[in-house]
Amino acid sequence: MKIHPYRYSNRIAAAAIISLLAVVPLSAQSEPETTPGAAEPVEVNPKVVQAEPLKDDEEAPKPTLAIGSIIAGSQDFTTLSGALKAAGLEKVLGGDTQLTLLAPNNAAFAALPRGVVRALLMPENRATLRAILEFHVIPSKIMASEFVPGELKTAQGESMMIVGGPEDVMTVQGAKFGIKDVGAKNGVIQVIDKVLVPPTIDIKKFATPGATTHPTPTPTPEPGDAEEP
């Protein structure tokens, strides 16, 4: 018995329908909900879409969604999806050329210095944003097991550094792999936990002056918490 990761992209639509039927009463399925406070549409997280077992002689189905469509349909990549649109890269990731996308999740973007994402989304910084996103694209299909230590050329033109670790765990420019080998009809997605930046770009200059990281909220003291004099 074997589990094939390509089941992720082919099952997203079916999982959305099943999830919706599970939470909407039968009486509400025949007529659309129009009253205030109606339930929001069900969003499907590809991390919870389980792969199905394959028989030993069964071939995995071919993915039907492009890389761009998979990213756009996941709540884990809303920041990346918006950035790809702002940079005009949707068609690149929706084409037929086989690619590998190292996809930073929302948490990875949230870890950037405060103000960076907002600044990069401004029209005057589109070229820089595009360069950063293209640095996450490898112009060939590479499965997670095929990454080896060394330099790897990106679609942006510069090379990223692949480093090996204990038990052959690979990191890319310091980023760790999350979900691996999410199949698409035009390549594969490797989820990473860090936004990669080309060596020639200084990301800090786009940060809010005086801010290096997102601030940690300071708890509001409760009555009686004041220190004794």
Protein backbone atom coordinates (compact mmCIF):
# COMPACT_ATOMS: atom_id res chain seq x y z
CA MET A 1 0.00 0.00 0.00
CA LYS A 2 1.36 3.43 -0.87
CA ILE A 3 0.23 6.98 -0.29
CA HIS A 4 0.63 9.46 -3.12
CA PRO A 5 0.84 13.19 -2.38
CA TYR A 6 -0.72 14.14 -5.73
CA ARG A 7 -4.11 13.31 -4.20
CA TYR A 8 -3.98 16.73 -2.49
CA SER A 9 -4.63 18.87 -5.53
CA ASN A 10 -7.23 16.56 -7.10
CA ARG A 11 -9.34 16.28 -3.95
CA ILE A 12 -9.67 19.92 -2.90
CA ALA A 13 -12.96 20.54 -4.74
CA ALA A 14 -14.54 17.30 -3.51
CA ALA A 15 -13.51 18.03 0.08
CA ALA A 16 -15.13 21.45 -0.12
CA ILE A 17 -18.47 19.96 -1.17
CA ILE A 18 -18.36 17.30 1.54
CA SER A 19 -17.46 19.86 4.21
CA LEU A 20 -20.30 22.15 3.12
CA LEU A 21 -22.90 19.39 3.22
CA ALA A 22 -21.70 18.44 6.69
CA VAL A 23 -22.43 21.84 8.18
CA VAL A 24 -25.50 23.04 6.23
CA PRO A 25 -28.95 21.59 7.11
CA LEU A 26 -30.76 19.78 4.31
CA SER A 27 -33.52 22.38 4.39
CA ALA A 28 -31.01 25.10 3.62
CA GLN A 29 -29.40 23.28 0.70
CA SER A 30 -32.35 23.78 -1.61
CA GLU A 31 -32.50 27.57 -1.15
CA PRO A 32 -29.59 29.99 -0.78
CA GLU A 33 -29.17 31.61 2.64
CA THR A 34 -29.96 35.31 2.45
CA THR A 35 -30.67 36.24 6.06
CA PRO A 36 -28.21 38.32 8.10
CA GLY A 37 -25.62 36.21 9.88
CA ALA A 38 -25.66 33.50 7.22
CA ALA A 39 -22.82 30.99 7.41
CA GLU A 40 -19.66 31.92 5.55
CA PRO A 41 -18.59 29.72 2.60
CA VAL A 42 -16.56 26.74 3.72
CA GLU A 43 -12.86 27.10 2.99
CA VAL A 44 -10.76 23.99 2.49
CA ASN A 45 -7.30 23.74 3.96
CA PRO A 46 -5.20 21.40 1.79
CA LYS A 47 -3.32 20.28 4.90
CA VAL A 48 -6.40 18.47 6.14
CA VAL A 49 -7.28 16.85 2.83
CA GLN A 50 -6.09 13.32 3.40
CA ALA A 51 -4.38 11.27 0.74
CA GLU A 52 -6.11 8.03 -0.17
CA PRO A 53 -4.24 4.71 -0.26
CA LEU A 54 -3.29 3.34 -3.65
CA LYS A 55 -3.21 -0.30 -4.53
CA ASP A 56 0.17 -1.70 -5.46
CA ASP A 57 -0.77 -1.88 -9.16
CA GLU A 58 -2.73 1.39 -9.23
CA GLU A 59 -1.31 4.50 -10.85
CA ALA A 60 -1.76 7.86 -9.17
CA PRO A 61 -4.22 10.13 -10.96
CA LYS A 62 -2.74 13.07 -12.82
CA PRO A 63 -3.25 16.42 -11.05
CA THR A 64 -5.80 18.64 -12.77
CA LEU A 65 -5.04 22.00 -11.08
CA ALA A 66 -2.16 24.32 -11.88
CA ILE A 67 0.20 25.61 -9.19
CA GLY A 68 -1.41 29.04 -9.23
CA SER A 69 -4.91 27.61 -8.76
CA ILE A 70 -3.85 25.48 -5.80
CA ILE A 71 -2.25 28.48 -4.07
CA ALA A 72 -5.26 30.70 -4.78
CA GLY A 73 -7.64 28.10 -3.34
CA SER A 74 -5.90 27.67 0.02
CA GLN A 75 -6.40 29.80 3.13
CA ASP A 76 -2.80 29.04 4.15
CA PHE A 77 -1.42 31.06 1.23
CA THR A 78 -3.63 34.15 1.03
CA THR A 79 -0.65 36.51 1.37
CA LEU A 80 1.35 34.64 -1.26
CA SER A 81 -1.65 34.56 -3.58
CA GLY A 82 -2.16 38.31 -3.27
CA ALA A 83 1.54 38.95 -3.84
CA LEU A 84 1.57 36.78 -6.97
CA LYS A 85 -1.35 38.76 -8.39
CA ALA A 86 0.28 42.09 -7.54
CA ALA A 87 3.47 40.96 -9.28
CA GLY A 88 1.63 39.66 -12.34
CA LEU A 89 2.86 36.09 -11.93
CA GLU A 90 -0.49 34.25 -11.99
CA LYS A 91 -0.11 33.32 -15.68
CA VAL A 92 3.42 32.03 -15.13
CA LEU A 93 2.23 29.63 -12.43
CA GLY A 94 -0.84 28.71 -14.45
CA GLY A 95 0.96 27.78 -17.65
CA ASP A 96 2.16 24.45 -18.98
CA THR A 97 5.87 24.76 -18.14
CA GLN A 98 6.93 22.36 -15.39
CA LEU A 99 7.98 24.32 -12.31
CA THR A 100 8.69 23.94 -8.62
CA LEU A 101 7.24 26.57 -6.31
CA LEU A 102 8.74 26.93 -2.85
CA ALA A 103 5.62 28.35 -1.23
CA PRO A 104 5.90 30.41 1.99
CA ASN A 105 2.74 30.14 4.07
CA ASN A 106 0.99 33.06 5.76
CA ALA A 107 3.03 32.60 8.94
CA ALA A 108 6.24 33.00 6.93
CA PHE A 109 5.11 36.38 5.58
CA ALA A 110 3.94 37.44 9.05
CA ALA A 111 7.49 36.86 10.35
CA LEU A 112 8.93 39.52 8.03
CA PRO A 113 9.84 42.90 9.55
CA ARG A 114 6.80 45.09 10.08
CA GLY A 115 5.75 47.06 7.02
CA VAL A 116 7.66 44.96 4.47
CA VAL A 117 4.67 43.19 2.90
CA ARG A 118 2.64 46.40 2.62
CA ALA A 119 5.58 48.24 1.05
CA LEU A 120 6.30 45.50 -1.48
CA LEU A 121 2.67 45.47 -2.62
CA MET A 122 2.89 49.13 -3.66
CA PRO A 123 3.03 49.67 -7.44
CA GLU A 124 6.41 51.43 -7.30
CA ASN A 125 7.98 48.30 -5.73
CA ARG A 126 6.46 45.80 -8.16
CA ALA A 127 9.82 44.94 -9.77
CA THR A 128 11.32 44.07 -6.37
CA LEU A 129 8.27 42.03 -5.37
CA ARG A 130 8.41 40.12 -8.65
CA ALA A 131 12.12 39.40 -8.18
CA ILE A 132 11.52 38.06 -4.66
CA LEU A 133 8.67 35.81 -5.80
CA GLU A 134 10.59 34.54 -8.84
CA PHE A 135 13.36 33.58 -6.41
CA HIS A 136 10.88 31.01 -5.04
CA VAL A 137 10.39 29.41 -8.46
CA ILE A 138 12.67 26.72 -9.85
CA PRO A 139 12.32 26.29 -13.64
CA SER A 140 11.95 22.51 -13.41
CA LYS A 141 10.01 19.97 -11.39
CA ILE A 142 11.93 18.80 -8.32
CA MET A 143 10.53 16.42 -5.74
CA ALA A 144 11.55 16.88 -2.11
CA SER A 145 13.74 13.77 -2.18
CA GLU A 146 15.67 15.18 -5.16
CA PHE A 147 17.01 18.25 -3.36
CA VAL A 148 20.74 17.92 -2.68
CA PRO A 149 23.19 20.27 -0.94
CA GLY A 150 24.57 22.98 -3.19
CA GLU A 151 23.38 25.90 -5.27
CA LEU A 152 20.15 25.82 -7.27
CA LYS A 153 19.33 28.31 -10.02
CA THR A 154 15.98 30.07 -9.72
CA ALA A 155 13.66 31.70 -12.25
CA GLN A 156 14.80 35.08 -10.89
CA GLY A 157 18.33 34.38 -12.15
CA GLU A 158 20.19 34.11 -8.86
CA SER A 159 20.92 30.85 -7.06
CA MET A 160 19.58 29.66 -3.72
CA MET A 161 21.62 27.60 -1.29
CA ILE A 162 20.47 24.10 -0.33
CA VAL A 163 22.01 22.86 2.92
CA GLY A 164 21.90 19.33 4.27
CA GLY A 165 21.33 18.61 7.95
CA PRO A 166 20.96 15.68 10.35
CA GLU A 167 19.12 12.71 8.90
CA ASP A 168 19.36 14.26 5.42
CA VAL A 169 16.95 17.07 6.34
CA MET A 170 17.36 19.81 3.74
CA THR A 171 16.90 23.54 4.25
CA VAL A 172 16.64 26.20 1.55
CA GLN A 173 18.24 29.54 2.46
CA GLY A 174 17.49 28.58 6.08
CA ALA A 175 13.84 27.69 5.36
CA LYS A 176 12.49 24.30 6.41
CA PHE A 177 10.12 22.20 4.34
CA GLY A 178 6.54 21.77 5.49
CA ILE A 179 4.13 19.85 3.29
CA LYS A 180 6.11 18.24 0.50
CA ASP A 181 5.38 17.24 -3.08
CA VAL A 182 1.94 18.78 -3.56
CA GLY A 183 1.34 17.79 -7.17
CA ALA A 184 0.06 20.16 -9.84
CA LYS A 185 -0.48 19.67 -13.55
CA ASN A 186 2.42 22.03 -14.23
CA GLY A 187 4.83 20.92 -11.55
CA VAL A 188 4.98 20.62 -7.79
CA ILE A 189 4.64 22.77 -4.66
CA GLN A 190 7.01 22.50 -1.71
CA VAL A 191 5.71 24.41 1.32
CA ILE A 192 8.36 26.32 3.31
CA ASP A 193 8.28 28.26 6.58
CA LYS A 194 10.28 31.31 5.52
CA VAL A 195 10.17 33.94 2.78
CA LEU A 196 13.29 33.64 0.63
CA VAL A 197 15.08 36.83 -0.43
CA PRO A 198 17.64 37.07 -3.26
CA PRO A 199 21.14 37.97 -2.03
CA THR A 200 21.08 41.25 -4.00
CA ILE A 201 17.91 42.58 -2.29
CA ASP A 202 17.97 44.25 1.13
CA ILE A 203 14.53 43.47 2.53
CA LYS A 204 15.07 45.61 5.64
CA LYS A 205 14.91 48.86 3.69
CA PHE A 206 11.21 48.18 3.08
CA ALA A 207 10.45 47.85 6.79
CA THR A 208 8.74 50.51 8.84
CA PRO A 209 11.46 52.82 10.25
CA GLY A 210 12.56 51.63 13.67
CA ALA A 211 10.82 48.24 13.33
CA THR A 212 12.70 45.00 12.80
CA THR A 213 9.98 42.51 13.68
CA HIS A 214 6.27 42.46 14.27
CA PRO A 215 5.59 43.84 17.75
CA THR A 216 4.42 41.53 20.50
CA PRO A 217 1.24 42.90 22.13
CA THR A 218 1.78 44.02 25.72
CA PRO A 219 -0.79 42.47 28.09
CA THR A 220 -3.09 44.99 29.78
CA PRO A 221 -2.61 44.74 33.55
CA GLU A 222 -5.69 43.69 35.48
CA PRO A 223 -6.84 45.59 38.59
CA GLY A 224 -4.81 44.44 41.56
CA ASP A 225 -1.82 43.42 39.38
CA ALA A 226 0.14 46.57 40.23
CA GLU A 227 3.32 45.98 42.14
CA GLU A 228 3.34 46.81 45.83
CA PRO A 229 5.38 49.96 46.65
